Amino acid sequence: MIGGFIWFLFAAMTLGGGALVATSKNILHCAFGLLAALLGVCVMYAFLGADFLAIAQVVVYVGGILVLVLFGVMMTHRLQARSLREEIVQPLAAFGAAVLVFALSVIVITRQVWPVQEIADPEPTTRAIGRAFLTTHLFPFEFASILLLVAMMGAAMITRERKVDDAEEDAGS
């Protein structure tokens, strides 16, 4: 009984965070809404017994993507005075698309025949996934980490402030 209440509490937190991302004009408020939505999804993964997905959600999305978004907000201080939404067309189009996707989802869910079966308590999957990452899938795992490192270095190079000497060298060549 209490588990169902907690599930719906975090589902509401996820939906509220998503709504804040979609409706807020302040980019920092959007980032905090994204944080709430991602943490809510993490808790729902944990409730479903997907322990690896819950931890990956925190590490990759909350710890990585959201931190990059916040650094992007801090580095682009010029966006503070500019409004993200200047026309009424965007919220109306987004609302229409959301209603359409919701209606199609309800139709698909209600017409599907869902088989009911007894499920034992889920066993942790982290050991098997960790073993696969370090044996059979080592190359793609390391390649992804190098790719992310290069992307972070590129973002740092793009956002760094240019010195006067650098600008004169570029103009002279």
N, C-alpha and C. Protein backbone atom coordinates (compact mmCIF):
# COMPACT_ATOMS: atom_id res chain seq x y z
N MET A 1 0.83 -1.20 0.00
CA MET A 1 0.00 0.00 0.00
C MET A 1 0.87 1.26 0.00
N ILE A 2 1.84 1.30 0.90
CA ILE A 2 2.69 2.49 0.99
C ILE A 2 3.59 2.58 -0.24
N GLY A 3 3.96 1.41 -0.82
CA GLY A 3 4.79 1.41 -2.01
C GLY A 3 4.08 2.07 -3.19
N GLY A 4 2.79 1.80 -3.32
CA GLY A 4 2.01 2.43 -4.40
C GLY A 4 1.92 3.94 -4.22
N PHE A 5 1.79 4.39 -2.98
CA PHE A 5 1.74 5.83 -2.72
C PHE A 5 3.07 6.49 -3.08
N ILE A 6 4.18 5.83 -2.69
CA ILE A 6 5.49 6.39 -3.01
C ILE A 6 5.71 6.40 -4.51
N TRP A 7 5.25 5.34 -5.21
CA TRP A 7 5.37 5.29 -6.67
C TRP A 7 4.66 6.49 -7.30
N PHE A 8 3.43 6.73 -6.90
CA PHE A 8 2.66 7.84 -7.47
C PHE A 8 3.25 9.20 -7.07
N LEU A 9 3.85 9.28 -5.89
CA LEU A 9 4.50 10.51 -5.46
C LEU A 9 5.68 10.84 -6.40
N PHE A 10 6.50 9.84 -6.70
CA PHE A 10 7.63 10.09 -7.58
C PHE A 10 7.21 10.23 -9.04
N ALA A 11 6.11 9.56 -9.42
CA ALA A 11 5.58 9.78 -10.77
C ALA A 11 5.09 11.22 -10.91
N ALA A 12 4.46 11.75 -9.87
CA ALA A 12 4.03 13.14 -9.89
C ALA A 12 5.23 14.08 -9.92
N MET A 13 6.29 13.73 -9.19
CA MET A 13 7.50 14.55 -9.20
C MET A 13 8.11 14.56 -10.61
N THR A 14 8.11 13.42 -11.28
CA THR A 14 8.64 13.32 -12.64
C THR A 14 7.82 14.17 -13.59
N LEU A 15 6.50 14.05 -13.51
CA LEU A 15 5.64 14.85 -14.39
C LEU A 15 5.74 16.34 -14.07
N GLY A 16 5.82 16.68 -12.80
CA GLY A 16 5.97 18.09 -12.42
C GLY A 16 7.28 18.68 -12.91
N GLY A 17 8.36 17.91 -12.80
CA GLY A 17 9.65 18.36 -13.31
C GLY A 17 9.62 18.55 -14.81
N GLY A 18 8.99 17.61 -15.51
CA GLY A 18 8.85 17.75 -16.96
C GLY A 18 8.02 18.95 -17.34
N ALA A 19 6.95 19.20 -16.59
CA ALA A 19 6.12 20.38 -16.86
C ALA A 19 6.89 21.66 -16.60
N LEU A 20 7.72 21.68 -15.57
CA LEU A 20 8.54 22.86 -15.28
C LEU A 20 9.53 23.11 -16.42
N VAL A 21 10.13 22.04 -16.95
CA VAL A 21 11.04 22.19 -18.08
C VAL A 21 10.32 22.77 -19.28
N ALA A 22 9.10 22.30 -19.52
CA ALA A 22 8.36 22.72 -20.71
C ALA A 22 7.78 24.12 -20.60
N THR A 23 7.51 24.58 -19.39
CA THR A 23 6.79 25.86 -19.24
C THR A 23 7.63 27.01 -18.71
N SER A 24 8.78 26.73 -18.13
CA SER A 24 9.55 27.79 -17.50
C SER A 24 10.28 28.64 -18.53
N LYS A 25 10.33 29.93 -18.29
CA LYS A 25 11.06 30.84 -19.16
C LYS A 25 12.50 31.02 -18.70
N ASN A 26 12.79 30.69 -17.45
CA ASN A 26 14.13 30.82 -16.89
C ASN A 26 14.87 29.50 -17.12
N ILE A 27 16.03 29.56 -17.74
CA ILE A 27 16.77 28.34 -18.07
C ILE A 27 17.27 27.62 -16.83
N LEU A 28 17.54 28.34 -15.76
CA LEU A 28 17.97 27.70 -14.52
C LEU A 28 16.81 26.91 -13.90
N HIS A 29 15.60 27.46 -13.96
CA HIS A 29 14.43 26.73 -13.47
C HIS A 29 14.20 25.48 -14.32
N CYS A 30 14.46 25.58 -15.62
CA CYS A 30 14.36 24.41 -16.50
C CYS A 30 15.34 23.32 -16.05
N ALA A 31 16.55 23.71 -15.68
CA ALA A 31 17.55 22.73 -15.24
C ALA A 31 17.10 22.06 -13.94
N PHE A 32 16.52 22.81 -13.01
CA PHE A 32 16.03 22.19 -11.77
C PHE A 32 14.82 21.30 -12.02
N GLY A 33 13.99 21.67 -12.96
CA GLY A 33 12.88 20.79 -13.35
C GLY A 33 13.39 19.49 -13.96
N LEU A 34 14.44 19.59 -14.77
CA LEU A 34 15.05 18.40 -15.34
C LEU A 34 15.64 17.51 -14.25
N LEU A 35 16.24 18.12 -13.23
CA LEU A 35 16.77 17.36 -12.10
C LEU A 35 15.65 16.58 -11.42
N ALA A 36 14.53 17.22 -11.16
CA ALA A 36 13.40 16.54 -10.50
C ALA A 36 12.88 15.40 -11.36
N ALA A 37 12.76 15.63 -12.66
CA ALA A 37 12.25 14.60 -13.56
C ALA A 37 13.21 13.40 -13.62
N LEU A 38 14.50 13.66 -13.72
CA LEU A 38 15.47 12.56 -13.82
C LEU A 38 15.57 11.77 -12.52
N LEU A 39 15.50 12.46 -11.38
CA LEU A 39 15.52 11.73 -10.11
C LEU A 39 14.26 10.91 -9.91
N GLY A 40 13.12 11.43 -10.34
CA GLY A 40 11.88 10.66 -10.26
C GLY A 40 11.94 9.39 -11.10
N VAL A 41 12.51 9.48 -12.29
CA VAL A 41 12.68 8.30 -13.14
C VAL A 41 13.63 7.31 -12.47
N CYS A 42 14.66 7.80 -11.83
CA CYS A 42 15.61 6.93 -11.12
C CYS A 42 14.89 6.12 -10.04
N VAL A 43 14.06 6.76 -9.27
CA VAL A 43 13.34 6.06 -8.20
C VAL A 43 12.37 5.05 -8.79
N MET A 44 11.74 5.39 -9.90
CA MET A 44 10.82 4.43 -10.52
C MET A 44 11.57 3.22 -11.05
N TYR A 45 12.77 3.42 -11.60
CA TYR A 45 13.59 2.27 -12.01
C TYR A 45 13.90 1.39 -10.80
N ALA A 46 14.24 2.00 -9.67
CA ALA A 46 14.55 1.23 -8.47
C ALA A 46 13.33 0.43 -8.01
N PHE A 47 12.14 1.01 -8.09
CA PHE A 47 10.93 0.29 -7.71
C PHE A 47 10.66 -0.89 -8.62
N LEU A 48 11.06 -0.79 -9.88
CA LEU A 48 10.83 -1.88 -10.84
C LEU A 48 11.89 -2.97 -10.76
N GLY A 49 12.88 -2.79 -9.88
CA GLY A 49 13.92 -3.80 -9.72
C GLY A 49 15.06 -3.67 -10.71
N ALA A 50 15.12 -2.57 -11.45
CA ALA A 50 16.19 -2.34 -12.41
C ALA A 50 17.28 -1.52 -11.72
N ASP A 51 18.04 -2.20 -10.87
CA ASP A 51 19.02 -1.50 -10.06
C ASP A 51 20.11 -0.84 -10.90
N PHE A 52 20.57 -1.50 -11.94
CA PHE A 52 21.62 -0.91 -12.78
C PHE A 52 21.10 0.33 -13.49
N LEU A 53 19.88 0.28 -14.01
CA LEU A 53 19.32 1.46 -14.69
C LEU A 53 19.13 2.62 -13.72
N ALA A 54 18.77 2.34 -12.49
CA ALA A 54 18.60 3.40 -11.51
C ALA A 54 19.93 4.09 -11.23
N ILE A 55 20.98 3.31 -11.03
CA ILE A 55 22.30 3.89 -10.77
C ILE A 55 22.82 4.61 -12.00
N ALA A 56 22.63 4.01 -13.18
CA ALA A 56 23.08 4.66 -14.42
C ALA A 56 22.33 5.97 -14.65
N GLN A 57 21.06 6.02 -14.28
CA GLN A 57 20.28 7.24 -14.40
C GLN A 57 20.90 8.36 -13.57
N VAL A 58 21.30 8.03 -12.36
CA VAL A 58 21.91 9.04 -11.49
C VAL A 58 23.28 9.44 -12.01
N VAL A 59 24.11 8.46 -12.34
CA VAL A 59 25.48 8.75 -12.74
C VAL A 59 25.52 9.47 -14.09
N VAL A 60 24.85 8.93 -15.08
CA VAL A 60 24.96 9.47 -16.43
C VAL A 60 24.13 10.74 -16.59
N TYR A 61 22.85 10.67 -16.26
CA TYR A 61 21.98 11.80 -16.55
C TYR A 61 22.06 12.89 -15.49
N VAL A 62 21.86 12.53 -14.23
CA VAL A 62 21.90 13.55 -13.19
C VAL A 62 23.33 14.03 -12.97
N GLY A 63 24.27 13.09 -12.90
CA GLY A 63 25.65 13.48 -12.61
C GLY A 63 26.39 14.03 -13.80
N GLY A 64 26.03 13.63 -15.00
CA GLY A 64 26.77 14.06 -16.18
C GLY A 64 26.04 15.10 -16.99
N ILE A 65 24.92 14.73 -17.56
CA ILE A 65 24.20 15.62 -18.47
C ILE A 65 23.72 16.87 -17.75
N LEU A 66 23.13 16.72 -16.58
CA LEU A 66 22.60 17.88 -15.88
C LEU A 66 23.72 18.82 -15.44
N VAL A 67 24.85 18.26 -15.01
CA VAL A 67 25.98 19.11 -14.64
C VAL A 67 26.48 19.88 -15.87
N LEU A 68 26.53 19.22 -17.04
CA LEU A 68 26.93 19.92 -18.26
C LEU A 68 25.94 21.03 -18.61
N VAL A 69 24.65 20.78 -18.41
CA VAL A 69 23.66 21.83 -18.67
C VAL A 69 23.89 23.01 -17.74
N LEU A 70 24.13 22.74 -16.46
CA LEU A 70 24.36 23.83 -15.52
C LEU A 70 25.64 24.59 -15.83
N PHE A 71 26.71 23.87 -16.23
CA PHE A 71 27.92 24.56 -16.65
C PHE A 71 27.66 25.39 -17.89
N GLY A 72 26.87 24.88 -18.81
CA GLY A 72 26.51 25.65 -20.00
C GLY A 72 25.76 26.91 -19.65
N VAL A 73 24.87 26.81 -18.66
CA VAL A 73 24.14 28.00 -18.21
C VAL A 73 25.10 29.00 -17.59
N MET A 74 26.04 28.52 -16.79
CA MET A 74 26.97 29.44 -16.14
C MET A 74 27.94 30.07 -17.14
N MET A 75 28.32 29.33 -18.18
CA MET A 75 29.28 29.87 -19.14
C MET A 75 28.65 30.81 -20.16
N THR A 76 27.38 30.66 -20.39
CA THR A 76 26.70 31.53 -21.37
C THR A 76 25.87 32.56 -20.62
N HIS A 77 26.53 33.47 -19.99
CA HIS A 77 25.85 34.49 -19.18
C HIS A 77 25.05 35.44 -20.05
N ARG A 78 25.26 35.44 -21.34
CA ARG A 78 24.50 36.35 -22.21
C ARG A 78 23.06 35.94 -22.38
N LEU A 79 22.69 34.71 -22.04
CA LEU A 79 21.32 34.25 -22.20
C LEU A 79 20.39 34.77 -21.11
N GLN A 80 20.92 35.39 -20.06
CA GLN A 80 20.08 35.80 -18.95
C GLN A 80 19.06 36.86 -19.34
N ALA A 81 19.43 37.78 -20.19
CA ALA A 81 18.52 38.86 -20.52
C ALA A 81 17.55 38.48 -21.63
N ARG A 82 17.82 37.39 -22.30
CA ARG A 82 17.01 37.01 -23.44
C ARG A 82 15.94 36.01 -23.03
N SER A 83 14.72 36.21 -23.50
CA SER A 83 13.63 35.30 -23.20
C SER A 83 13.72 34.08 -24.12
N LEU A 84 13.44 32.90 -23.58
CA LEU A 84 13.49 31.69 -24.39
C LEU A 84 12.27 31.56 -25.30
N ARG A 85 11.18 32.14 -24.89
CA ARG A 85 9.95 32.06 -25.68
C ARG A 85 9.47 33.47 -26.02
N GLU A 86 9.37 33.73 -27.31
CA GLU A 86 8.96 35.06 -27.72
C GLU A 86 7.59 35.05 -28.41
N GLU A 87 7.10 33.87 -28.74
CA GLU A 87 5.81 33.78 -29.42
C GLU A 87 4.91 32.83 -28.67
N ILE A 88 3.61 32.93 -28.91
CA ILE A 88 2.64 32.05 -28.27
C ILE A 88 2.50 30.74 -29.04
N VAL A 89 3.08 30.64 -30.23
CA VAL A 89 2.92 29.46 -31.07
C VAL A 89 3.59 28.24 -30.44
N GLN A 90 4.75 28.41 -29.83
CA GLN A 90 5.47 27.27 -29.27
C GLN A 90 4.69 26.54 -28.17
N PRO A 91 4.18 27.22 -27.15
CA PRO A 91 3.42 26.49 -26.13
C PRO A 91 2.15 25.83 -26.68
N LEU A 92 1.48 26.48 -27.62
CA LEU A 92 0.27 25.89 -28.18
C LEU A 92 0.60 24.64 -29.00
N ALA A 93 1.65 24.70 -29.79
CA ALA A 93 2.06 23.53 -30.57
C ALA A 93 2.52 22.40 -29.65
N ALA A 94 3.25 22.73 -28.60
CA ALA A 94 3.71 21.72 -27.65
C ALA A 94 2.52 21.08 -26.93
N PHE A 95 1.54 21.88 -26.55
CA PHE A 95 0.36 21.34 -25.88
C PHE A 95 -0.41 20.42 -26.82
N GLY A 96 -0.55 20.83 -28.06
CA GLY A 96 -1.25 19.99 -29.04
C GLY A 96 -0.53 18.67 -29.27
N ALA A 97 0.80 18.72 -29.38
CA ALA A 97 1.57 17.49 -29.57
C ALA A 97 1.48 16.59 -28.34
N ALA A 98 1.50 17.19 -27.14
CA ALA A 98 1.41 16.41 -25.91
C ALA A 98 0.05 15.72 -25.80
N VAL A 99 -1.03 16.43 -26.14
CA VAL A 99 -2.36 15.83 -26.10
C VAL A 99 -2.46 14.69 -27.10
N LEU A 100 -1.91 14.87 -28.29
CA LEU A 100 -1.94 13.83 -29.32
C LEU A 100 -1.17 12.59 -28.87
N VAL A 101 0.03 12.77 -28.34
CA VAL A 101 0.83 11.63 -27.88
C VAL A 101 0.14 10.94 -26.70
N PHE A 102 -0.45 11.73 -25.79
CA PHE A 102 -1.16 11.14 -24.64
C PHE A 102 -2.35 10.32 -25.12
N ALA A 103 -3.13 10.86 -26.05
CA ALA A 103 -4.31 10.14 -26.56
C ALA A 103 -3.89 8.85 -27.26
N LEU A 104 -2.86 8.90 -28.09
CA LEU A 104 -2.40 7.69 -28.76
C LEU A 104 -1.87 6.67 -27.76
N SER A 105 -1.19 7.13 -26.72
CA SER A 105 -0.69 6.21 -25.69
C SER A 105 -1.83 5.53 -24.96
N VAL A 106 -2.87 6.29 -24.62
CA VAL A 106 -4.02 5.71 -23.92
C VAL A 106 -4.72 4.69 -24.81
N ILE A 107 -4.85 4.98 -26.09
CA ILE A 107 -5.50 4.04 -27.02
C ILE A 107 -4.69 2.75 -27.11
N VAL A 108 -3.38 2.86 -27.25
CA VAL A 108 -2.54 1.66 -27.37
C VAL A 108 -2.57 0.86 -26.07
N ILE A 109 -2.50 1.53 -24.93
CA ILE A 109 -2.47 0.82 -23.64
C ILE A 109 -3.79 0.12 -23.36
N THR A 110 -4.90 0.77 -23.66
CA THR A 110 -6.20 0.16 -23.34
C THR A 110 -6.57 -0.96 -24.31
N ARG A 111 -6.08 -0.97 -25.51
CA ARG A 111 -6.41 -2.03 -26.47
C ARG A 111 -5.47 -3.23 -26.38
N GLN A 112 -4.37 -3.10 -25.66
CA GLN A 112 -3.41 -4.19 -25.54
C GLN A 112 -3.90 -5.19 -24.52
N VAL A 113 -3.72 -6.48 -24.80
CA VAL A 113 -4.03 -7.54 -23.84
C VAL A 113 -2.74 -7.80 -23.06
N TRP A 114 -2.80 -7.53 -21.75
CA TRP A 114 -1.62 -7.65 -20.91
C TRP A 114 -1.64 -8.98 -20.17
N PRO A 115 -0.69 -9.87 -20.45
CA PRO A 115 -0.66 -11.15 -19.73
C PRO A 115 -0.22 -10.95 -18.28
N VAL A 116 -0.85 -11.68 -17.39
CA VAL A 116 -0.52 -11.58 -15.97
C VAL A 116 0.20 -12.86 -15.58
N GLN A 117 1.34 -12.70 -14.93
CA GLN A 117 2.09 -13.86 -14.48
C GLN A 117 2.75 -13.55 -13.15
N GLU A 118 3.03 -14.61 -12.41
CA GLU A 118 3.71 -14.47 -11.13
C GLU A 118 5.19 -14.25 -11.40
N ILE A 119 5.75 -13.27 -10.72
CA ILE A 119 7.17 -12.97 -10.87
C ILE A 119 7.83 -13.09 -9.51
N ALA A 120 8.97 -13.76 -9.50
CA ALA A 120 9.74 -13.86 -8.26
C ALA A 120 10.44 -12.53 -8.01
N ASP A 121 10.99 -12.37 -6.81
CA ASP A 121 11.73 -11.15 -6.51
C ASP A 121 12.90 -11.02 -7.49
N PRO A 122 13.08 -9.84 -8.06
CA PRO A 122 14.15 -9.68 -9.05
C PRO A 122 15.53 -9.79 -8.40
N GLU A 123 16.43 -10.42 -9.14
CA GLU A 123 17.81 -10.55 -8.67
C GLU A 123 18.61 -9.37 -9.19
N PRO A 124 19.62 -8.94 -8.45
CA PRO A 124 20.44 -7.82 -8.93
C PRO A 124 21.12 -8.14 -10.26
N THR A 125 21.17 -7.16 -11.13
CA THR A 125 21.77 -7.36 -12.46
C THR A 125 23.12 -6.68 -12.58
N THR A 126 23.54 -5.97 -11.55
CA THR A 126 24.76 -5.18 -11.67
C THR A 126 26.01 -6.03 -11.87
N ARG A 127 26.08 -7.20 -11.25
CA ARG A 127 27.27 -8.04 -11.39
C ARG A 127 27.42 -8.52 -12.83
N ALA A 128 26.33 -9.00 -13.43
CA ALA A 128 26.41 -9.50 -14.81
C ALA A 128 26.70 -8.37 -15.79
N ILE A 129 26.11 -7.21 -15.59
CA ILE A 129 26.35 -6.09 -16.50
C ILE A 129 27.78 -5.57 -16.33
N GLY A 130 28.25 -5.46 -15.10
CA GLY A 130 29.63 -5.03 -14.87
C GLY A 130 30.64 -5.99 -15.47
N ARG A 131 30.39 -7.28 -15.35
CA ARG A 131 31.28 -8.28 -15.94
C ARG A 131 31.28 -8.16 -17.46
N ALA A 132 30.12 -7.92 -18.06
CA ALA A 132 30.04 -7.76 -19.52
C ALA A 132 30.77 -6.49 -19.97
N PHE A 133 30.65 -5.41 -19.18
CA PHE A 133 31.35 -4.17 -19.54
C PHE A 133 32.87 -4.37 -19.54
N LEU A 134 33.37 -5.19 -18.65
CA LEU A 134 34.82 -5.34 -18.53
C LEU A 134 35.37 -6.55 -19.29
N THR A 135 34.52 -7.30 -19.99
CA THR A 135 35.02 -8.42 -20.79
C THR A 135 34.58 -8.27 -22.25
N THR A 136 33.38 -8.67 -22.56
CA THR A 136 32.95 -8.71 -23.97
C THR A 136 32.67 -7.33 -24.56
N HIS A 137 32.29 -6.37 -23.74
CA HIS A 137 31.94 -5.04 -24.25
C HIS A 137 32.94 -3.97 -23.81
N LEU A 138 34.18 -4.35 -23.60
CA LEU A 138 35.18 -3.41 -23.12
C LEU A 138 35.49 -2.32 -24.14
N PHE A 139 35.67 -2.69 -25.41
CA PHE A 139 36.02 -1.69 -26.42
C PHE A 139 34.95 -0.62 -26.59
N PRO A 140 33.65 -0.97 -26.77
CA PRO A 140 32.65 0.10 -26.89
C PRO A 140 32.56 0.97 -25.64
N PHE A 141 32.74 0.37 -24.47
CA PHE A 141 32.68 1.12 -23.21
C PHE A 141 33.80 2.14 -23.15
N GLU A 142 35.02 1.73 -23.46
CA GLU A 142 36.16 2.65 -23.44
C GLU A 142 36.07 3.67 -24.58
N PHE A 143 35.58 3.26 -25.74
CA PHE A 143 35.43 4.19 -26.86
C PHE A 143 34.44 5.30 -26.50
N ALA A 144 33.35 4.94 -25.83
CA ALA A 144 32.37 5.95 -25.41
C ALA A 144 32.98 6.92 -24.40
N SER A 145 33.82 6.42 -23.50
CA SER A 145 34.43 7.31 -22.51
C SER A 145 35.42 8.26 -23.17
N ILE A 146 36.18 7.78 -24.16
CA ILE A 146 37.12 8.66 -24.88
C ILE A 146 36.35 9.69 -25.70
N LEU A 147 35.26 9.27 -26.32
CA LEU A 147 34.43 10.20 -27.09
C LEU A 147 33.86 11.30 -26.20
N LEU A 148 33.39 10.96 -25.02
CA LEU A 148 32.88 11.96 -24.09
C LEU A 148 33.99 12.89 -23.61
N LEU A 149 35.18 12.36 -23.39
CA LEU A 149 36.31 13.19 -22.97
C LEU A 149 36.67 14.20 -24.06
N VAL A 150 36.71 13.76 -25.31
CA VAL A 150 37.01 14.67 -26.43
C VAL A 150 35.92 15.73 -26.57
N ALA A 151 34.66 15.34 -26.38
CA ALA A 151 33.57 16.31 -26.45
C ALA A 151 33.68 17.36 -25.35
N MET A 152 34.06 16.94 -24.13
CA MET A 152 34.23 17.91 -23.04
C MET A 152 35.39 18.84 -23.32
N MET A 153 36.48 18.32 -23.88
CA MET A 153 37.62 19.17 -24.21
C MET A 153 37.23 20.17 -25.29
N GLY A 154 36.46 19.72 -26.28
CA GLY A 154 35.99 20.63 -27.33
C GLY A 154 35.09 21.70 -26.78
N ALA A 155 34.20 21.34 -25.85
CA ALA A 155 33.32 22.34 -25.25
C ALA A 155 34.11 23.36 -24.44
N ALA A 156 35.16 22.89 -23.75
CA ALA A 156 36.00 23.82 -22.99
C ALA A 156 36.75 24.76 -23.92
N MET A 157 37.21 24.26 -25.06
CA MET A 157 37.93 25.11 -26.02
C MET A 157 36.99 26.15 -26.64
N ILE A 158 35.76 25.76 -26.91
CA ILE A 158 34.81 26.68 -27.52
C ILE A 158 34.42 27.79 -26.55
N THR A 159 34.26 27.45 -25.27
CA THR A 159 33.76 28.43 -24.31
C THR A 159 34.84 29.28 -23.67
N ARG A 160 36.09 28.94 -23.85
CA ARG A 160 37.13 29.75 -23.20
C ARG A 160 37.18 31.14 -23.83
N GLU A 161 37.54 32.10 -23.03
CA GLU A 161 37.63 33.47 -23.53
C GLU A 161 38.92 33.65 -24.29
N ARG A 162 38.84 34.34 -25.39
CA ARG A 162 40.03 34.57 -26.22
C ARG A 162 40.81 35.74 -25.68
N LYS A 163 42.12 35.59 -25.67
CA LYS A 163 43.00 36.68 -25.25
C LYS A 163 43.21 37.62 -26.41
N VAL A 164 43.68 38.81 -26.12
CA VAL A 164 43.92 39.81 -27.17
C VAL A 164 45.00 39.32 -28.13
N ASP A 165 46.05 38.64 -27.61
CA ASP A 165 47.13 38.13 -28.47
C ASP A 165 46.60 37.10 -29.46
N ASP A 166 45.66 36.24 -29.02
CA ASP A 166 45.10 35.22 -29.91
C ASP A 166 44.31 35.86 -31.04
N ALA A 167 43.55 36.91 -30.71
CA ALA A 167 42.74 37.58 -31.71
C ALA A 167 43.63 38.28 -32.74
N GLU A 168 44.77 38.85 -32.30
CA GLU A 168 45.68 39.53 -33.23
C GLU A 168 46.37 38.50 -34.14
N GLU A 169 46.73 37.33 -33.59
CA GLU A 169 47.36 36.30 -34.41
C GLU A 169 46.42 35.80 -35.49
N ASP A 170 45.12 35.63 -35.12
CA ASP A 170 44.14 35.17 -36.10
C ASP A 170 43.94 36.22 -37.19
N ALA A 171 43.95 37.48 -36.84
CA ALA A 171 43.75 38.54 -37.83
C ALA A 171 44.97 38.67 -38.74
N GLY A 172 46.18 38.40 -38.21
CA GLY A 172 47.40 38.52 -39.00
C GLY A 172 47.59 37.39 -39.99
N SER A 173 47.02 36.21 -39.73
CA SER A 173 47.23 35.09 -40.64
C SER A 173 46.30 35.06 -41.80
